Amino acid sequence: MSDFDARAAAIFGVSEGAVRWPYDVSGIDRTLRHRDPEAFRYELAVLTTKRYTIVEWAEVHGLKASRVKCCPLWLTRKTSRRCRFDSPCQCRTDPDRSWLDHDIYWLRNGHPAVITSAPYDISPQSVQRLKWWHATHRHLKVATGEGWYGHGTSQIVMWSTTRIKYVSPAKNIDQPSTFMRSHD
């Protein structure tokens, strides 16, 4: 395992000897290597960019991915656990479902600290809902930015100020060519 993969494994864990990367940072179509070598090089560079972005962002904030996903109420708990079956969990119903797209739940020092998501659109209803979460739970803060997901998405970061004072959205590298090897 490379030094970078070891750093990533510390954040995401390992499954079958490989880093347990989140969705869309997990890999690319390897058949491109023979079908379209230039496209393969580009996709590999994009993947590398995303991986460096997510790992460095998590390290800066001292975060590790949680295997438990729920709803923003998760951030109010002392331990990483889902809502009870008979509770009013909001995670997969409106008005939270639309902004909780491509979500990752993050721990800091073993406690729920941050939720990141990458919706394709941040609708006015989502903006209102995010404001509602802050008004209802004053220690929950929200920021938006670029993120690592790509594909025309924006990143939403919601965090608990009881665990971490500020979390900046990730800044993606504009030029994945930074990671492309030249074949001159």
N, C-alpha and C. Protein backbone atom coordinates (compact mmCIF):
# COMPACT_ATOMS: atom_id res chain seq x y z
N MET A 1 0.85 -1.18 0.00
CA MET A 1 0.00 0.00 0.00
C MET A 1 0.89 1.24 0.00
N SER A 2 0.62 2.18 -0.90
CA SER A 2 1.41 3.40 -0.98
C SER A 2 1.15 4.28 0.23
N ASP A 3 1.99 5.28 0.43
CA ASP A 3 1.81 6.22 1.53
C ASP A 3 0.46 6.91 1.41
N PHE A 4 0.10 7.33 0.20
CA PHE A 4 -1.19 8.00 0.00
C PHE A 4 -2.35 7.05 0.31
N ASP A 5 -2.27 5.81 -0.16
CA ASP A 5 -3.33 4.84 0.13
C ASP A 5 -3.43 4.57 1.63
N ALA A 6 -2.33 4.57 2.33
CA ALA A 6 -2.36 4.39 3.79
C ALA A 6 -3.07 5.57 4.46
N ARG A 7 -2.81 6.78 3.97
CA ARG A 7 -3.51 7.96 4.49
C ARG A 7 -5.01 7.83 4.24
N ALA A 8 -5.37 7.42 3.02
CA ALA A 8 -6.78 7.26 2.66
C ALA A 8 -7.43 6.16 3.49
N ALA A 9 -6.72 5.07 3.71
CA ALA A 9 -7.25 3.95 4.51
C ALA A 9 -7.53 4.39 5.94
N ALA A 10 -6.71 5.28 6.48
CA ALA A 10 -6.94 5.79 7.83
C ALA A 10 -8.24 6.60 7.90
N ILE A 11 -8.66 7.16 6.79
CA ILE A 11 -9.88 7.97 6.73
C ILE A 11 -11.10 7.13 6.37
N PHE A 12 -10.97 6.24 5.38
CA PHE A 12 -12.12 5.51 4.85
C PHE A 12 -12.18 4.04 5.24
N GLY A 13 -11.11 3.51 5.79
CA GLY A 13 -11.08 2.10 6.12
C GLY A 13 -10.67 1.26 4.92
N VAL A 14 -10.57 -0.04 5.14
CA VAL A 14 -10.10 -0.97 4.11
C VAL A 14 -11.10 -2.11 3.98
N SER A 15 -11.29 -2.56 2.76
CA SER A 15 -12.11 -3.72 2.49
C SER A 15 -11.40 -4.58 1.46
N GLU A 16 -11.17 -5.84 1.79
CA GLU A 16 -10.47 -6.76 0.90
C GLU A 16 -9.12 -6.21 0.43
N GLY A 17 -8.40 -5.57 1.34
CA GLY A 17 -7.06 -5.09 1.07
C GLY A 17 -6.97 -3.79 0.30
N ALA A 18 -8.11 -3.15 0.02
CA ALA A 18 -8.11 -1.89 -0.72
C ALA A 18 -8.87 -0.82 0.06
N VAL A 19 -8.55 0.44 -0.22
CA VAL A 19 -9.24 1.56 0.44
C VAL A 19 -10.73 1.48 0.11
N ARG A 20 -11.57 1.72 1.09
CA ARG A 20 -13.02 1.73 0.90
C ARG A 20 -13.44 3.16 0.49
N TRP A 21 -13.15 3.50 -0.77
CA TRP A 21 -13.44 4.85 -1.28
C TRP A 21 -14.95 5.09 -1.37
N PRO A 22 -15.39 6.33 -1.12
CA PRO A 22 -16.81 6.63 -1.30
C PRO A 22 -17.19 6.65 -2.79
N TYR A 23 -18.48 6.65 -3.03
CA TYR A 23 -19.03 6.65 -4.39
C TYR A 23 -18.41 7.75 -5.24
N ASP A 24 -18.11 7.45 -6.46
CA ASP A 24 -17.52 8.30 -7.48
C ASP A 24 -16.07 8.69 -7.19
N VAL A 25 -15.51 8.18 -6.15
CA VAL A 25 -14.08 8.32 -5.92
C VAL A 25 -13.49 6.92 -5.87
N SER A 26 -14.33 5.94 -6.19
CA SER A 26 -13.92 4.54 -6.04
C SER A 26 -13.14 3.98 -7.21
N GLY A 27 -13.33 4.48 -8.39
CA GLY A 27 -12.58 3.94 -9.52
C GLY A 27 -13.09 4.44 -10.86
N ILE A 28 -12.47 3.96 -11.93
CA ILE A 28 -12.86 4.33 -13.28
C ILE A 28 -12.98 3.07 -14.14
N ASP A 29 -13.51 3.24 -15.31
CA ASP A 29 -13.67 2.13 -16.25
C ASP A 29 -12.30 1.75 -16.81
N ARG A 30 -11.76 0.65 -16.32
CA ARG A 30 -10.41 0.21 -16.74
C ARG A 30 -10.35 -0.22 -18.21
N THR A 31 -11.50 -0.54 -18.81
CA THR A 31 -11.47 -0.94 -20.23
C THR A 31 -11.14 0.24 -21.13
N LEU A 32 -11.26 1.46 -20.59
CA LEU A 32 -10.87 2.64 -21.37
C LEU A 32 -9.39 2.62 -21.73
N ARG A 33 -8.59 1.97 -20.89
CA ARG A 33 -7.14 1.95 -21.11
C ARG A 33 -6.81 1.48 -22.53
N HIS A 34 -7.52 0.49 -23.02
CA HIS A 34 -7.25 -0.04 -24.37
C HIS A 34 -8.15 0.58 -25.43
N ARG A 35 -9.40 0.89 -25.06
CA ARG A 35 -10.33 1.46 -26.04
C ARG A 35 -10.00 2.90 -26.40
N ASP A 36 -9.63 3.70 -25.38
CA ASP A 36 -9.36 5.12 -25.60
C ASP A 36 -8.31 5.58 -24.58
N PRO A 37 -7.03 5.35 -24.88
CA PRO A 37 -5.97 5.65 -23.92
C PRO A 37 -5.96 7.10 -23.44
N GLU A 38 -6.26 8.04 -24.31
CA GLU A 38 -6.27 9.46 -23.89
C GLU A 38 -7.40 9.72 -22.90
N ALA A 39 -8.58 9.18 -23.18
CA ALA A 39 -9.70 9.32 -22.24
C ALA A 39 -9.38 8.64 -20.91
N PHE A 40 -8.71 7.50 -20.97
CA PHE A 40 -8.31 6.80 -19.75
C PHE A 40 -7.37 7.66 -18.92
N ARG A 41 -6.38 8.27 -19.57
CA ARG A 41 -5.43 9.13 -18.86
C ARG A 41 -6.17 10.30 -18.20
N TYR A 42 -7.10 10.89 -18.93
CA TYR A 42 -7.86 12.01 -18.39
C TYR A 42 -8.71 11.57 -17.20
N GLU A 43 -9.46 10.47 -17.34
CA GLU A 43 -10.31 9.98 -16.25
C GLU A 43 -9.47 9.59 -15.03
N LEU A 44 -8.31 9.01 -15.26
CA LEU A 44 -7.42 8.67 -14.16
C LEU A 44 -6.93 9.94 -13.45
N ALA A 45 -6.64 10.98 -14.21
CA ALA A 45 -6.22 12.25 -13.62
C ALA A 45 -7.35 12.88 -12.81
N VAL A 46 -8.58 12.82 -13.32
CA VAL A 46 -9.73 13.34 -12.59
C VAL A 46 -9.92 12.56 -11.28
N LEU A 47 -9.85 11.24 -11.36
CA LEU A 47 -9.98 10.40 -10.17
C LEU A 47 -8.89 10.72 -9.15
N THR A 48 -7.67 10.87 -9.61
CA THR A 48 -6.56 11.20 -8.71
C THR A 48 -6.80 12.55 -8.05
N THR A 49 -7.28 13.53 -8.83
CA THR A 49 -7.60 14.85 -8.29
C THR A 49 -8.64 14.73 -7.18
N LYS A 50 -9.71 14.00 -7.44
CA LYS A 50 -10.77 13.83 -6.45
C LYS A 50 -10.23 13.16 -5.18
N ARG A 51 -9.43 12.14 -5.37
CA ARG A 51 -8.90 11.42 -4.20
C ARG A 51 -7.98 12.30 -3.36
N TYR A 52 -7.08 13.02 -4.00
CA TYR A 52 -6.21 13.92 -3.24
C TYR A 52 -7.03 14.99 -2.54
N THR A 53 -8.03 15.52 -3.23
CA THR A 53 -8.87 16.57 -2.65
C THR A 53 -9.59 16.07 -1.40
N ILE A 54 -10.24 14.92 -1.48
CA ILE A 54 -11.03 14.42 -0.35
C ILE A 54 -10.13 14.01 0.82
N VAL A 55 -9.00 13.39 0.54
CA VAL A 55 -8.09 12.96 1.61
C VAL A 55 -7.49 14.18 2.31
N GLU A 56 -7.00 15.13 1.54
CA GLU A 56 -6.38 16.31 2.16
C GLU A 56 -7.41 17.13 2.92
N TRP A 57 -8.62 17.25 2.39
CA TRP A 57 -9.69 17.98 3.08
C TRP A 57 -9.98 17.30 4.42
N ALA A 58 -10.15 15.98 4.41
CA ALA A 58 -10.45 15.25 5.65
C ALA A 58 -9.31 15.39 6.66
N GLU A 59 -8.06 15.31 6.18
CA GLU A 59 -6.91 15.44 7.09
C GLU A 59 -6.85 16.83 7.71
N VAL A 60 -7.09 17.87 6.93
CA VAL A 60 -7.05 19.25 7.44
C VAL A 60 -8.04 19.41 8.60
N HIS A 61 -9.20 18.78 8.48
CA HIS A 61 -10.24 18.93 9.50
C HIS A 61 -10.23 17.82 10.55
N GLY A 62 -9.30 16.88 10.44
CA GLY A 62 -9.22 15.79 11.41
C GLY A 62 -10.40 14.85 11.38
N LEU A 63 -10.89 14.52 10.18
CA LEU A 63 -12.11 13.72 10.03
C LEU A 63 -11.84 12.32 9.51
N LYS A 64 -12.72 11.41 9.89
CA LYS A 64 -12.73 10.04 9.35
C LYS A 64 -14.16 9.73 8.94
N ALA A 65 -14.32 9.01 7.85
CA ALA A 65 -15.65 8.66 7.36
C ALA A 65 -16.34 7.70 8.32
N SER A 66 -17.62 7.91 8.51
CA SER A 66 -18.44 7.01 9.32
C SER A 66 -19.15 6.03 8.39
N ARG A 67 -19.35 4.84 8.85
CA ARG A 67 -20.12 3.87 8.06
C ARG A 67 -21.61 4.03 8.32
N VAL A 68 -21.96 4.85 9.30
CA VAL A 68 -23.36 5.09 9.64
C VAL A 68 -23.83 6.37 8.96
N LYS A 69 -24.98 6.27 8.28
CA LYS A 69 -25.61 7.45 7.68
C LYS A 69 -27.02 7.54 8.23
N CYS A 70 -27.48 8.77 8.44
CA CYS A 70 -28.83 8.94 8.97
C CYS A 70 -29.40 10.26 8.45
N CYS A 71 -29.47 11.25 9.31
CA CYS A 71 -29.98 12.57 8.96
C CYS A 71 -29.22 13.59 9.80
N PRO A 72 -29.47 14.89 9.64
CA PRO A 72 -28.73 15.86 10.44
C PRO A 72 -28.87 15.69 11.95
N LEU A 73 -29.90 14.99 12.41
CA LEU A 73 -29.99 14.70 13.85
C LEU A 73 -28.79 13.89 14.32
N TRP A 74 -28.17 13.15 13.40
CA TRP A 74 -26.96 12.39 13.70
C TRP A 74 -25.89 13.30 14.31
N LEU A 75 -25.82 14.54 13.83
CA LEU A 75 -24.82 15.50 14.34
C LEU A 75 -25.08 15.91 15.78
N THR A 76 -26.27 15.68 16.28
CA THR A 76 -26.61 16.08 17.65
C THR A 76 -26.33 14.98 18.67
N ARG A 77 -25.90 13.82 18.19
CA ARG A 77 -25.68 12.67 19.07
C ARG A 77 -24.24 12.60 19.57
N LYS A 78 -24.08 11.92 20.69
CA LYS A 78 -22.73 11.70 21.23
C LYS A 78 -22.02 10.56 20.53
N THR A 79 -22.80 9.61 20.00
CA THR A 79 -22.22 8.46 19.31
C THR A 79 -22.79 8.36 17.90
N SER A 80 -22.07 7.67 17.05
CA SER A 80 -22.49 7.51 15.66
C SER A 80 -23.50 6.37 15.55
N ARG A 81 -24.77 6.75 15.54
CA ARG A 81 -25.83 5.75 15.39
C ARG A 81 -27.00 6.36 14.63
N ARG A 82 -27.78 5.50 14.00
CA ARG A 82 -28.95 5.93 13.24
C ARG A 82 -30.09 6.31 14.18
N CYS A 83 -31.07 7.00 13.60
CA CYS A 83 -32.29 7.27 14.34
C CYS A 83 -32.98 5.95 14.66
N ARG A 84 -33.72 5.93 15.73
CA ARG A 84 -34.49 4.73 16.07
C ARG A 84 -35.52 4.49 14.98
N PHE A 85 -35.87 3.24 14.79
CA PHE A 85 -36.82 2.85 13.75
C PHE A 85 -38.14 3.63 13.85
N ASP A 86 -38.60 3.88 15.08
CA ASP A 86 -39.90 4.54 15.27
C ASP A 86 -39.78 6.06 15.45
N SER A 87 -38.61 6.63 15.15
CA SER A 87 -38.41 8.07 15.31
C SER A 87 -38.68 8.81 14.00
N PRO A 88 -38.81 10.12 14.08
CA PRO A 88 -39.10 10.90 12.87
C PRO A 88 -37.83 11.24 12.07
N CYS A 89 -37.08 10.25 11.67
CA CYS A 89 -35.86 10.47 10.90
C CYS A 89 -36.20 11.15 9.58
N GLN A 90 -35.37 12.11 9.20
CA GLN A 90 -35.64 12.93 8.03
C GLN A 90 -34.79 12.57 6.82
N CYS A 91 -33.91 11.61 6.94
CA CYS A 91 -32.84 11.48 5.96
C CYS A 91 -33.26 11.14 4.55
N ARG A 92 -34.25 10.36 4.35
CA ARG A 92 -34.58 9.95 2.98
C ARG A 92 -35.96 10.42 2.54
N THR A 93 -36.45 11.47 3.19
CA THR A 93 -37.74 12.04 2.81
C THR A 93 -37.56 13.53 2.58
N ASP A 94 -38.47 14.12 1.86
CA ASP A 94 -38.44 15.57 1.70
C ASP A 94 -38.71 16.19 3.05
N PRO A 95 -38.16 17.31 3.36
CA PRO A 95 -37.39 18.21 2.50
C PRO A 95 -35.87 18.01 2.53
N ASP A 96 -35.39 16.96 3.19
CA ASP A 96 -33.93 16.77 3.27
C ASP A 96 -33.35 15.91 2.15
N ARG A 97 -34.16 15.08 1.57
CA ARG A 97 -33.66 14.12 0.57
C ARG A 97 -32.91 14.81 -0.57
N SER A 98 -33.40 15.94 -1.06
CA SER A 98 -32.79 16.56 -2.25
C SER A 98 -31.38 17.09 -1.99
N TRP A 99 -31.13 17.63 -0.82
CA TRP A 99 -29.79 18.17 -0.57
C TRP A 99 -28.83 17.12 0.00
N LEU A 100 -29.35 15.99 0.46
CA LEU A 100 -28.50 14.92 1.00
C LEU A 100 -28.09 13.92 -0.09
N ASP A 101 -27.80 14.40 -1.28
CA ASP A 101 -27.39 13.54 -2.38
C ASP A 101 -25.87 13.33 -2.31
N HIS A 102 -25.42 12.12 -2.55
CA HIS A 102 -23.99 11.77 -2.50
C HIS A 102 -23.38 12.19 -1.16
N ASP A 103 -24.02 11.78 -0.09
CA ASP A 103 -23.64 12.22 1.26
C ASP A 103 -22.58 11.32 1.88
N ILE A 104 -21.75 11.96 2.69
CA ILE A 104 -20.75 11.26 3.50
C ILE A 104 -20.86 11.83 4.91
N TYR A 105 -20.88 10.94 5.89
CA TYR A 105 -20.96 11.34 7.29
C TYR A 105 -19.58 11.17 7.89
N TRP A 106 -19.14 12.20 8.64
CA TRP A 106 -17.76 12.26 9.11
C TRP A 106 -17.70 12.33 10.63
N LEU A 107 -16.73 11.60 11.18
CA LEU A 107 -16.46 11.60 12.62
C LEU A 107 -15.22 12.43 12.91
N ARG A 108 -15.22 13.05 14.08
CA ARG A 108 -14.01 13.71 14.58
C ARG A 108 -13.82 13.21 16.00
N ASN A 109 -12.66 12.64 16.25
CA ASN A 109 -12.39 12.03 17.56
C ASN A 109 -13.46 11.01 17.93
N GLY A 110 -13.97 10.30 16.93
CA GLY A 110 -14.94 9.24 17.15
C GLY A 110 -16.39 9.70 17.32
N HIS A 111 -16.65 11.00 17.19
CA HIS A 111 -18.00 11.53 17.40
C HIS A 111 -18.55 12.15 16.11
N PRO A 112 -19.87 12.11 15.90
CA PRO A 112 -20.46 12.74 14.72
C PRO A 112 -20.10 14.22 14.66
N ALA A 113 -19.55 14.65 13.52
CA ALA A 113 -19.08 16.04 13.44
C ALA A 113 -19.51 16.76 12.17
N VAL A 114 -19.52 16.08 11.02
CA VAL A 114 -19.73 16.76 9.74
C VAL A 114 -20.53 15.85 8.81
N ILE A 115 -21.39 16.47 8.00
CA ILE A 115 -22.04 15.80 6.88
C ILE A 115 -21.68 16.59 5.63
N THR A 116 -21.20 15.89 4.60
CA THR A 116 -21.01 16.54 3.30
C THR A 116 -21.97 15.90 2.32
N SER A 117 -22.45 16.70 1.39
CA SER A 117 -23.29 16.17 0.33
C SER A 117 -22.96 16.92 -0.96
N ALA A 118 -23.40 16.35 -2.07
CA ALA A 118 -23.10 16.94 -3.38
C ALA A 118 -24.33 16.88 -4.28
N PRO A 119 -25.32 17.73 -4.00
CA PRO A 119 -26.51 17.74 -4.85
C PRO A 119 -26.22 18.40 -6.20
N TYR A 120 -26.99 17.99 -7.19
CA TYR A 120 -26.85 18.59 -8.52
C TYR A 120 -27.43 20.00 -8.54
N ASP A 121 -28.31 20.28 -7.60
CA ASP A 121 -28.95 21.59 -7.53
C ASP A 121 -29.25 21.88 -6.07
N ILE A 122 -28.99 23.10 -5.65
CA ILE A 122 -29.39 23.52 -4.31
C ILE A 122 -30.62 24.39 -4.50
N SER A 123 -31.77 23.77 -4.36
CA SER A 123 -33.05 24.45 -4.62
C SER A 123 -33.37 25.46 -3.52
N PRO A 124 -34.26 26.40 -3.79
CA PRO A 124 -34.70 27.32 -2.73
C PRO A 124 -35.27 26.56 -1.52
N GLN A 125 -35.94 25.43 -1.77
CA GLN A 125 -36.47 24.63 -0.66
C GLN A 125 -35.34 24.05 0.18
N SER A 126 -34.26 23.64 -0.48
CA SER A 126 -33.11 23.11 0.26
C SER A 126 -32.46 24.21 1.09
N VAL A 127 -32.33 25.40 0.52
CA VAL A 127 -31.76 26.53 1.25
C VAL A 127 -32.60 26.81 2.50
N GLN A 128 -33.92 26.82 2.34
CA GLN A 128 -34.80 27.05 3.48
C GLN A 128 -34.66 25.94 4.52
N ARG A 129 -34.53 24.71 4.06
CA ARG A 129 -34.40 23.59 4.98
C ARG A 129 -33.08 23.67 5.76
N LEU A 130 -32.01 24.03 5.08
CA LEU A 130 -30.73 24.18 5.76
C LEU A 130 -30.80 25.30 6.81
N LYS A 131 -31.49 26.38 6.49
CA LYS A 131 -31.69 27.46 7.46
C LYS A 131 -32.53 26.96 8.65
N TRP A 132 -33.52 26.12 8.34
CA TRP A 132 -34.36 25.56 9.40
C TRP A 132 -33.51 24.72 10.36
N TRP A 133 -32.62 23.89 9.83
CA TRP A 133 -31.77 23.07 10.69
C TRP A 133 -30.95 23.96 11.63
N HIS A 134 -30.40 25.05 11.10
CA HIS A 134 -29.61 25.95 11.94
C HIS A 134 -30.49 26.64 12.99
N ALA A 135 -31.67 27.09 12.58
CA ALA A 135 -32.57 27.76 13.52
C ALA A 135 -33.05 26.82 14.62
N THR A 136 -33.24 25.56 14.27
CA THR A 136 -33.73 24.56 15.23
C THR A 136 -32.62 24.03 16.13
N HIS A 137 -31.43 23.93 15.58
CA HIS A 137 -30.25 23.43 16.31
C HIS A 137 -29.13 24.43 16.07
N ARG A 138 -29.01 25.43 16.95
CA ARG A 138 -28.09 26.56 16.74
C ARG A 138 -26.64 26.14 16.57
N HIS A 139 -26.26 25.00 17.05
CA HIS A 139 -24.87 24.56 16.92
C HIS A 139 -24.58 23.92 15.56
N LEU A 140 -25.59 23.77 14.70
CA LEU A 140 -25.36 23.25 13.34
C LEU A 140 -25.13 24.41 12.39
N LYS A 141 -24.03 24.37 11.68
CA LYS A 141 -23.68 25.41 10.70
C LYS A 141 -23.61 24.78 9.31
N VAL A 142 -23.71 25.63 8.29
CA VAL A 142 -23.71 25.16 6.90
C VAL A 142 -22.84 26.08 6.06
N ALA A 143 -22.09 25.47 5.14
CA ALA A 143 -21.33 26.21 4.13
C ALA A 143 -21.46 25.46 2.80
N THR A 144 -21.29 26.18 1.72
CA THR A 144 -21.34 25.55 0.39
C THR A 144 -20.09 25.91 -0.40
N GLY A 145 -19.77 25.07 -1.37
CA GLY A 145 -18.59 25.30 -2.21
C GLY A 145 -18.52 24.28 -3.33
N GLU A 146 -17.30 24.05 -3.81
CA GLU A 146 -17.08 23.18 -4.97
C GLU A 146 -17.14 21.70 -4.63
N GLY A 147 -16.32 21.27 -3.71
CA GLY A 147 -16.26 19.86 -3.35
C GLY A 147 -15.47 19.02 -4.33
N TRP A 148 -15.49 17.71 -4.10
CA TRP A 148 -14.69 16.78 -4.90
C TRP A 148 -15.54 15.96 -5.86
N TYR A 149 -16.84 15.98 -5.72
CA TYR A 149 -17.68 15.08 -6.50
C TYR A 149 -17.69 15.42 -8.00
N GLY A 150 -17.78 16.69 -8.33
CA GLY A 150 -17.81 17.09 -9.74
C GLY A 150 -19.16 16.86 -10.38
N HIS A 151 -19.18 16.66 -11.69
CA HIS A 151 -20.41 16.40 -12.45
C HIS A 151 -21.44 17.51 -12.29
N GLY A 152 -21.00 18.75 -12.10
CA GLY A 152 -21.92 19.87 -11.99
C GLY A 152 -22.57 20.02 -10.63
N THR A 153 -22.04 19.35 -9.63
CA THR A 153 -22.62 19.43 -8.28
C THR A 153 -21.95 20.54 -7.48
N SER A 154 -22.61 20.92 -6.41
CA SER A 154 -22.03 21.81 -5.40
C SER A 154 -21.89 21.00 -4.12
N GLN A 155 -20.99 21.44 -3.27
CA GLN A 155 -20.84 20.74 -1.99
C GLN A 155 -21.58 21.51 -0.90
N ILE A 156 -22.33 20.78 -0.10
CA ILE A 156 -22.92 21.32 1.12
C ILE A 156 -22.19 20.66 2.28
N VAL A 157 -21.75 21.48 3.21
CA VAL A 157 -21.09 20.98 4.42
C VAL A 157 -21.92 21.44 5.61
N MET A 158 -22.38 20.50 6.41
CA MET A 158 -23.09 20.82 7.65
C MET A 158 -22.26 20.23 8.78
N TRP A 159 -22.03 21.02 9.81
CA TRP A 159 -21.21 20.53 10.92
C TRP A 159 -21.76 21.01 12.25
N SER A 160 -21.32 20.31 13.28
CA SER A 160 -21.67 20.64 14.65
C SER A 160 -20.54 21.45 15.27
N THR A 161 -20.84 22.68 15.68
CA THR A 161 -19.81 23.53 16.27
C THR A 161 -19.41 23.04 17.67
N THR A 162 -20.14 22.09 18.22
CA THR A 162 -19.72 21.51 19.50
C THR A 162 -18.54 20.57 19.31
N ARG A 163 -18.30 20.13 18.08
CA ARG A 163 -17.20 19.21 17.78
C ARG A 163 -16.08 19.85 16.97
N ILE A 164 -16.44 20.83 16.15
CA ILE A 164 -15.45 21.49 15.30
C ILE A 164 -15.97 22.90 15.01
N LYS A 165 -15.12 23.89 15.21
CA LYS A 165 -15.58 25.28 15.10
C LYS A 165 -15.95 25.69 13.68
N TYR A 166 -15.13 25.29 12.70
CA TYR A 166 -15.42 25.68 11.32
C TYR A 166 -14.94 24.60 10.36
N VAL A 167 -15.72 24.36 9.34
CA VAL A 167 -15.35 23.42 8.28
C VAL A 167 -15.53 24.12 6.95
N SER A 168 -14.47 24.23 6.21
CA SER A 168 -14.56 24.85 4.88
C SER A 168 -14.92 23.79 3.85
N PRO A 169 -15.70 24.17 2.84
CA PRO A 169 -15.93 23.23 1.74
C PRO A 169 -14.60 22.93 1.04
N ALA A 170 -14.53 21.78 0.41
CA ALA A 170 -13.31 21.41 -0.31
C ALA A 170 -13.18 22.24 -1.57
N LYS A 171 -11.95 22.53 -1.93
CA LYS A 171 -11.68 23.23 -3.18
C LYS A 171 -11.08 22.21 -4.14
N ASN A 172 -11.79 21.97 -5.23
CA ASN A 172 -11.31 21.01 -6.21
C ASN A 172 -10.26 21.67 -7.09
N ILE A 173 -9.31 20.89 -7.55
CA ILE A 173 -8.28 21.40 -8.45
C ILE A 173 -8.90 21.55 -9.83
N ASP A 174 -8.72 22.73 -10.43
CA ASP A 174 -9.34 23.02 -11.72
C ASP A 174 -8.78 22.20 -12.87
N GLN A 175 -7.53 21.86 -12.80
CA GLN A 175 -6.88 21.19 -13.91
C GLN A 175 -6.42 19.80 -13.53
N PRO A 176 -7.21 18.77 -13.86
CA PRO A 176 -6.75 17.42 -13.55
C PRO A 176 -5.49 17.06 -14.33
N SER A 177 -5.15 17.87 -15.34
CA SER A 177 -3.93 17.60 -16.11
C SER A 177 -2.70 17.65 -15.21
N THR A 178 -2.84 18.26 -14.03
CA THR A 178 -1.76 18.28 -13.05
C THR A 178 -1.29 16.86 -12.76
N PHE A 179 -2.24 15.91 -12.80
CA PHE A 179 -1.92 14.53 -12.47
C PHE A 179 -1.74 13.64 -13.71
N MET A 180 -1.71 14.24 -14.90
CA MET A 180 -1.54 13.45 -16.13
C MET A 180 -0.07 13.39 -16.49
N ARG A 181 0.40 12.17 -16.73
CA ARG A 181 1.78 12.01 -17.18
C ARG A 181 1.88 12.34 -18.66
N SER A 182 2.92 13.01 -19.01
CA SER A 182 3.16 13.33 -20.41
C SER A 182 3.80 12.14 -21.11
N HIS A 183 3.38 11.88 -22.33
CA HIS A 183 3.96 10.79 -23.12
C HIS A 183 4.71 11.36 -24.32
N ASP A 184 5.52 12.37 -24.10
CA ASP A 184 6.30 12.99 -25.18
C ASP A 184 7.50 12.17 -25.55
